[in-house]
C-alpha atoms as a PDB file:
ATOM      1  CA  MET A   1      -9.305 -50.525  88.121  1.00  0.00           C
ATOM      2  CA  PRO A   2     -11.102 -47.039  88.305  1.00  0.00           C
ATOM      3  CA  SER A   3     -14.808 -47.222  88.034  1.00  0.00           C
ATOM      4  CA  GLY A   4     -17.532 -44.599  86.493  1.00  0.00           C
ATOM      5  CA  PRO A   5     -18.352 -43.423  82.864  1.00  0.00           C
ATOM      6  CA  GLY A   6     -16.241 -44.178  80.384  1.00  0.00           C
ATOM      7  CA  TYR A   7     -14.312 -46.641  82.575  1.00  0.00           C
ATOM      8  CA  ARG A   8     -17.042 -49.266  82.785  1.00  0.00           C
ATOM      9  CA  THR A   9     -15.615 -52.598  80.431  1.00  0.00           C
ATOM     10  CA  ARG A  10     -17.021 -54.561  77.567  1.00  0.00           C
ATOM     11  CA  THR A  11     -15.043 -57.151  75.516  1.00  0.00           C
ATOM     12  CA  ASP A  12     -17.200 -57.447  72.882  1.00  0.00           C
ATOM     13  CA  GLY A  13     -17.276 -55.410  69.288  1.00  0.00           C
ATOM     14  CA  ILE A  14     -14.452 -53.533  68.279  1.00  0.00           C
ATOM     15  CA  ILE A  15     -11.911 -50.825  68.818  1.00  0.00           C
ATOM     16  CA  VAL A  16     -13.101 -47.659  67.245  1.00  0.00           C
ATOM     17  CA  PRO A  17     -12.532 -43.967  67.647  1.00  0.00           C
ATOM     18  CA  PRO A  18     -13.598 -42.467  70.446  1.00  0.00           C
ATOM     19  CA  ARG A  19     -16.994 -40.830  70.393  1.00  0.00           C
ATOM     20  CA  SER A  20     -18.700 -38.874  73.795  1.00  0.00           C
ATOM     21  CA  LYS A  21     -22.499 -39.807  74.406  1.00  0.00           C
ATOM     22  CA  ASP A  22     -22.804 -36.046  73.103  1.00  0.00           C
ATOM     23  CA  ASN A  23     -21.534 -36.583  69.465  1.00  0.00           C
ATOM     24  CA  ILE A  24     -23.691 -39.920  69.360  1.00  0.00           C
ATOM     25  CA  ALA A  25     -27.137 -38.192  70.526  1.00  0.00           C
ATOM     26  CA  ALA A  26     -26.086 -35.842  67.799  1.00  0.00           C
ATOM     27  CA  ASN A  27     -25.970 -38.167  64.959  1.00  0.00           C
ATOM     28  CA  ALA A  28     -29.188 -39.497  66.110  1.00  0.00           C
ATOM     29  CA  ALA A  29     -30.855 -36.367  66.700  1.00  0.00           C
ATOM     30  CA  VAL A  30     -29.734 -35.669  62.620  1.00  0.00           C
ATOM     31  CA  LEU A  31     -31.250 -38.811  61.773  1.00  0.00           C
ATOM     32  CA  ARG A  32     -34.587 -37.993  63.483  1.00  0.00           C
ATOM     33  CA  GLU A  33     -34.291 -34.645  62.487  1.00  0.00           C
ATOM     34  CA  PHE A  34     -33.737 -35.645  58.344  1.00  0.00           C
ATOM     35  CA  LEU A  35     -36.841 -38.136  58.593  1.00  0.00           C
ATOM     36  CA  ARG A  36     -38.632 -35.537  60.078  1.00  0.00           C
ATOM     37  CA  LEU A  37     -39.419 -37.330  63.404  1.00  0.00           C
ATOM     38  CA  GLN A  38     -37.746 -35.483  65.707  1.00  0.00           C
ATOM     39  CA  ASP A  39     -41.400 -34.382  67.216  1.00  0.00           C
ATOM     40  CA  ARG A  40     -42.396 -38.280  67.256  1.00  0.00           C
ATOM     41  CA  PRO A  41     -42.045 -40.761  70.367  1.00  0.00           C
ATOM     42  CA  TYR A  42     -42.336 -43.557  68.546  1.00  0.00           C
ATOM     43  CA  PHE A  43     -39.369 -44.205  65.975  1.00  0.00           C
ATOM     44  CA  PRO A  44     -40.768 -46.051  63.230  1.00  0.00           C
ATOM     45  CA  VAL A  45     -37.862 -48.152  62.704  1.00  0.00           C
ATOM     46  CA  VAL A  46     -38.972 -51.224  60.323  1.00  0.00           C
ATOM     47  CA  GLU A  47     -40.385 -48.391  57.807  1.00  0.00           C
ATOM     48  CA  VAL A  48     -36.929 -46.357  58.186  1.00  0.00           C
ATOM     49  CA  TYR A  49     -35.036 -49.836  56.841  1.00  0.00           C
ATOM     50  CA  GLU A  50     -37.672 -50.259  54.223  1.00  0.00           C
ATOM     51  CA  ALA A  51     -36.645 -46.815  52.512  1.00  0.00           C
ATOM     52  CA  LEU A  52     -32.937 -47.601  53.424  1.00  0.00           C
ATOM     53  CA  ASP A  53     -31.617 -46.840  50.018  1.00  0.00           C
ATOM     54  CA  LEU A  54     -32.993 -43.323  50.316  1.00  0.00           C
ATOM     55  CA  LEU A  55     -31.084 -42.825  53.575  1.00  0.00           C
ATOM     56  CA  TYR A  56     -27.883 -44.105  52.281  1.00  0.00           C
ATOM     57  CA  GLU A  57     -27.667 -44.238  48.852  1.00  0.00           C
ATOM     58  CA  GLY A  58     -26.992 -48.287  47.792  1.00  0.00           C
ATOM     59  CA  ALA A  59     -27.797 -48.776  51.462  1.00  0.00           C
ATOM     60  CA  ARG A  60     -29.224 -52.025  52.093  1.00  0.00           C
ATOM     61  CA  PHE A  61     -30.566 -54.451  54.425  1.00  0.00           C
ATOM     62  CA  GLU A  62     -31.696 -58.352  54.222  1.00  0.00           C
ATOM     63  CA  VAL A  63     -33.993 -60.637  56.671  1.00  0.00           C
ATOM     64  CA  LEU A  64     -32.138 -64.116  56.921  1.00  0.00           C
ATOM     65  CA  GLU A  65     -32.951 -67.210  58.522  1.00  0.00           C
ATOM     66  CA  MET A  66     -31.767 -68.395  61.702  1.00  0.00           C
ATOM     67  CA  GLU A  67     -29.662 -71.185  60.116  1.00  0.00           C
ATOM     68  CA  GLU A  68     -27.501 -68.542  58.595  1.00  0.00           C
ATOM     69  CA  MET A  69     -27.255 -65.633  61.545  1.00  0.00           C
ATOM     70  CA  GLY A  70     -26.932 -68.218  64.331  1.00  0.00           C
ATOM     71  CA  ASN A  71     -27.270 -66.275  67.698  1.00  0.00           C
ATOM     72  CA  ASP A  72     -26.300 -63.123  65.673  1.00  0.00           C
ATOM     73  CA  HIS A  73     -29.115 -61.098  65.650  1.00  0.00           C
ATOM     74  CA  GLY A  74     -28.007 -58.125  62.950  1.00  0.00           C
ATOM     75  CA  ARG A  75     -24.923 -57.532  61.688  1.00  0.00           C
ATOM     76  CA  THR A  76     -23.387 -54.680  59.848  1.00  0.00           C
ATOM     77  CA  TYR A  77     -21.035 -54.262  57.350  1.00  0.00           C
ATOM     78  CA  PRO A  78     -20.718 -50.320  56.854  1.00  0.00           C
ATOM     79  CA  ASP A  79     -18.784 -50.042  54.201  1.00  0.00           C
ATOM     80  CA  LYS A  80     -20.438 -52.127  52.596  1.00  0.00           C
ATOM     81  CA  ASN A  81     -23.953 -50.362  52.841  1.00  0.00           C
ATOM     82  CA  LEU A  82     -25.191 -53.734  54.324  1.00  0.00           C
ATOM     83  CA  ILE A  83     -27.074 -55.017  57.436  1.00  0.00           C
ATOM     84  CA  PHE A  84     -28.510 -58.598  57.854  1.00  0.00           C
ATOM     85  CA  ILE A  85     -31.538 -59.153  60.176  1.00  0.00           C
ATOM     86  CA  ARG A  86     -32.374 -62.493  61.608  1.00  0.00           C
ATOM     87  CA  GLU A  87     -35.555 -62.919  60.382  1.00  0.00           C
ATOM     88  CA  ASP A  88     -36.815 -64.081  63.886  1.00  0.00           C
ATOM     89  CA  VAL A  89     -35.834 -60.351  64.973  1.00  0.00           C
ATOM     90  CA  TYR A  90     -37.643 -58.829  61.926  1.00  0.00           C
ATOM     91  CA  GLU A  91     -40.684 -60.300  61.976  1.00  0.00           C
ATOM     92  CA  LYS A  92     -41.090 -59.096  66.012  1.00  0.00           C
ATOM     93  CA  ALA A  93     -39.960 -55.737  64.985  1.00  0.00           C
ATOM     94  CA  CYS A  94     -42.617 -55.390  62.533  1.00  0.00           C
ATOM     95  CA  LYS A  95     -44.790 -56.384  65.431  1.00  0.00           C
ATOM     96  CA  GLY A  96     -43.420 -53.657  67.657  1.00  0.00           C
ATOM     97  CA  GLU A  97     -41.381 -55.515  69.994  1.00  0.00           C
ATOM     98  CA  ALA A  98     -39.202 -53.607  71.896  1.00  0.00           C
ATOM     99  CA  ARG A  99     -35.991 -55.654  72.237  1.00  0.00           C
ATOM    100  CA  ASP A 100     -36.466 -55.904  68.172  1.00  0.00           C
ATOM    101  CA  ARG A 101     -36.648 -52.786  67.567  1.00  0.00           C
ATOM    102  CA  PHE A 102     -33.832 -51.718  69.425  1.00  0.00           C
ATOM    103  CA  THR A 103     -31.742 -54.338  67.660  1.00  0.00           C
ATOM    104  CA  MET A 104     -32.762 -52.723  64.745  1.00  0.00           C
ATOM    105  CA  CYS A 105     -31.899 -49.555  65.988  1.00  0.00           C
ATOM    106  CA  HIS A 106     -28.342 -50.822  66.937  1.00  0.00           C
ATOM    107  CA  GLU A 107     -27.762 -51.954  63.464  1.00  0.00           C
ATOM    108  CA  LEU A 108     -28.199 -48.325  62.134  1.00  0.00           C
ATOM    109  CA  GLY A 109     -25.692 -46.930  64.692  1.00  0.00           C
ATOM    110  CA  HIS A 110     -23.112 -49.209  63.029  1.00  0.00           C
ATOM    111  CA  LEU A 111     -24.112 -48.210  59.407  1.00  0.00           C
ATOM    112  CA  MET A 112     -24.155 -44.242  60.590  1.00  0.00           C
ATOM    113  CA  MET A 113     -20.658 -44.707  62.801  1.00  0.00           C
ATOM    114  CA  HIS A 114     -18.562 -47.026  61.780  1.00  0.00           C
ATOM    115  CA  ARG A 115     -17.198 -46.624  57.894  1.00  0.00           C
ATOM    116  CA  GLY A 116     -14.008 -46.686  57.444  1.00  0.00           C
ATOM    117  CA  VAL A 117     -13.271 -48.305  60.701  1.00  0.00           C
ATOM    118  CA  ALA A 118     -10.292 -51.274  60.562  1.00  0.00           C
ATOM    119  CA  LEU A 119     -11.458 -53.954  62.256  1.00  0.00           C
ATOM    120  CA  SER A 120      -8.892 -54.460  65.775  1.00  0.00           C
ATOM    121  CA  ARG A 121     -10.840 -56.996  67.943  1.00  0.00           C
ATOM    122  CA  ILE A 122     -10.692 -56.084  71.631  1.00  0.00           C
ATOM    123  CA  ASP A 123      -8.634 -58.047  74.168  1.00  0.00           C
ATOM    124  CA  PRO A 124     -10.354 -59.088  76.531  1.00  0.00           C
ATOM    125  CA  ARG A 125      -7.400 -58.755  78.879  1.00  0.00           C
ATOM    126  CA  ASN A 126      -7.441 -55.458  78.008  1.00  0.00           C
ATOM    127  CA  PRO A 127     -10.179 -53.634  76.739  1.00  0.00           C
ATOM    128  CA  PRO A 128     -10.401 -50.262  75.711  1.00  0.00           C
ATOM    129  CA  LYS A 129     -12.309 -46.990  77.719  1.00  0.00           C
ATOM    130  CA  ILE A 130     -16.384 -47.935  76.789  1.00  0.00           C
ATOM    131  CA  TYR A 131     -16.502 -44.682  74.575  1.00  0.00           C
ATOM    132  CA  ARG A 132     -13.858 -46.931  72.366  1.00  0.00           C
ATOM    133  CA  ASN A 133     -15.766 -50.052  71.644  1.00  0.00           C
ATOM    134  CA  SER A 134     -18.415 -50.228  68.702  1.00  0.00           C
ATOM    135  CA  GLU A 135     -20.734 -52.125  70.621  1.00  0.00           C
ATOM    136  CA  TRP A 136     -21.329 -49.761  73.142  1.00  0.00           C
ATOM    137  CA  GLN A 137     -21.817 -46.817  70.574  1.00  0.00           C
ATOM    138  CA  ALA A 138     -24.370 -48.531  68.557  1.00  0.00           C
ATOM    139  CA  ASP A 139     -26.067 -49.511  71.914  1.00  0.00           C
ATOM    140  CA  THR A 140     -26.514 -45.688  72.655  1.00  0.00           C
ATOM    141  CA  PHE A 141     -27.365 -44.582  69.516  1.00  0.00           C
ATOM    142  CA  ALA A 142     -30.181 -47.042  69.657  1.00  0.00           C
ATOM    143  CA  SER A 143     -30.882 -46.292  72.855  1.00  0.00           C
ATOM    144  CA  HIS A 144     -30.920 -41.720  71.813  1.00  0.00           C
ATOM    145  CA  LEU A 145     -32.529 -42.684  68.075  1.00  0.00           C
ATOM    146  CA  LEU A 146     -35.556 -44.471  70.034  1.00  0.00           C
ATOM    147  CA  MET A 147     -35.701 -42.402  73.420  1.00  0.00           C
ATOM    148  CA  PRO A 148     -34.410 -38.620  72.682  1.00  0.00           C
ATOM    149  CA  SER A 149     -33.556 -36.374  75.767  1.00  0.00           C
ATOM    150  CA  SER A 150     -35.855 -33.817  74.461  1.00  0.00           C
ATOM    151  CA  LEU A 151     -39.000 -36.131  74.154  1.00  0.00           C
ATOM    152  CA  ILE A 152     -38.705 -38.254  77.536  1.00  0.00           C
ATOM    153  CA  ALA A 153     -37.932 -35.313  79.733  1.00  0.00           C
ATOM    154  CA  ARG A 154     -41.509 -34.821  78.578  1.00  0.00           C
ATOM    155  CA  CYS A 155     -42.505 -38.053  80.943  1.00  0.00           C
ATOM    156  CA  ARG A 156     -42.885 -38.362  84.797  1.00  0.00           C
ATOM    157  CA  SER A 157     -41.637 -41.932  85.068  1.00  0.00           C
ATOM    158  CA  PRO A 158     -39.998 -44.592  82.814  1.00  0.00           C
ATOM    159  CA  LEU A 159     -43.177 -45.926  82.805  1.00  0.00           C
ATOM    160  CA  PRO A 160     -44.790 -43.927  80.143  1.00  0.00           C
ATOM    161  CA  VAL A 161     -41.235 -44.287  78.228  1.00  0.00           C
ATOM    162  CA  THR A 162     -42.128 -48.062  77.788  1.00  0.00           C
ATOM    163  CA  THR A 163     -45.430 -47.430  76.067  1.00  0.00           C
ATOM    164  CA  ASP A 164     -45.149 -44.165  74.190  1.00  0.00           C
ATOM    165  CA  PHE A 165     -41.493 -45.001  72.905  1.00  0.00           C
ATOM    166  CA  GLY A 166     -42.006 -48.336  72.116  1.00  0.00           C
ATOM    167  CA  VAL A 167     -38.831 -49.874  74.251  1.00  0.00           C
ATOM    168  CA  SER A 168     -38.289 -52.121  76.911  1.00  0.00           C
ATOM    169  CA  ILE A 169     -38.532 -51.250  80.599  1.00  0.00           C
ATOM    170  CA  ASP A 170     -34.675 -52.149  81.132  1.00  0.00           C
ATOM    171  CA  ALA A 171     -34.023 -49.450  78.310  1.00  0.00           C
ATOM    172  CA  ALA A 172     -36.326 -47.006  79.429  1.00  0.00           C
ATOM    173  CA  LEU A 173     -34.986 -47.563  82.684  1.00  0.00           C
ATOM    174  CA  ALA A 174     -31.221 -47.522  81.735  1.00  0.00           C
ATOM    175  CA  ARG A 175     -32.612 -43.968  79.378  1.00  0.00           C
ATOM    176  CA  TRP A 176     -34.098 -42.822  82.405  1.00  0.00           C
ATOM    177  CA  GLY A 177     -30.978 -43.112  84.738  1.00  0.00           C
ATOM    178  CA  ASP A 178     -28.751 -41.574  82.112  1.00  0.00           C
ATOM    179  CA  MET A 179     -30.980 -38.513  82.074  1.00  0.00           C
ATOM    180  CA  ASN A 180     -30.981 -37.943  85.454  1.00  0.00           C
ATOM    181  CA  LYS A 181     -27.260 -37.889  86.027  1.00  0.00           C
ATOM    182  CA  ALA A 182     -26.608 -35.443  83.564  1.00  0.00           C
END
């Protein structure tokens, strides 16, 4: 099996129309610009959720108990303009927990990019190219929304990225590595 960018496999998610990293980064940048946050490192995801209806007419989110959500930290129904966030995830995001902030940005990515997509589960025996995977796209969106290239380029190492942008060291290292490949 080939390897390299675009060839990694992932078997969660659904098959969606292909999107490049540049296209996804542009979507994240549009949201930041609309919110006038293009120059602010720390993305206020909880506040954005609280005003979700102003971003997308009719869009809403609900915080559900762990019993209702099970292992899912978030669920998004783009065509219904609806995001569910598990209660513990929301509470931790309110406290600035990096992983939970990422989860909420990930779900925003689904809302923005996956409307009108027919549900087609991924066959683990024959996964599509990574850029056609809904979960990869949402992760990439969250990464670019939380850590825009123009802002993390000002950092000298991944460590300040974690504090300035409110992300985990794993997310900062992945984004840092991605930036240095370009």
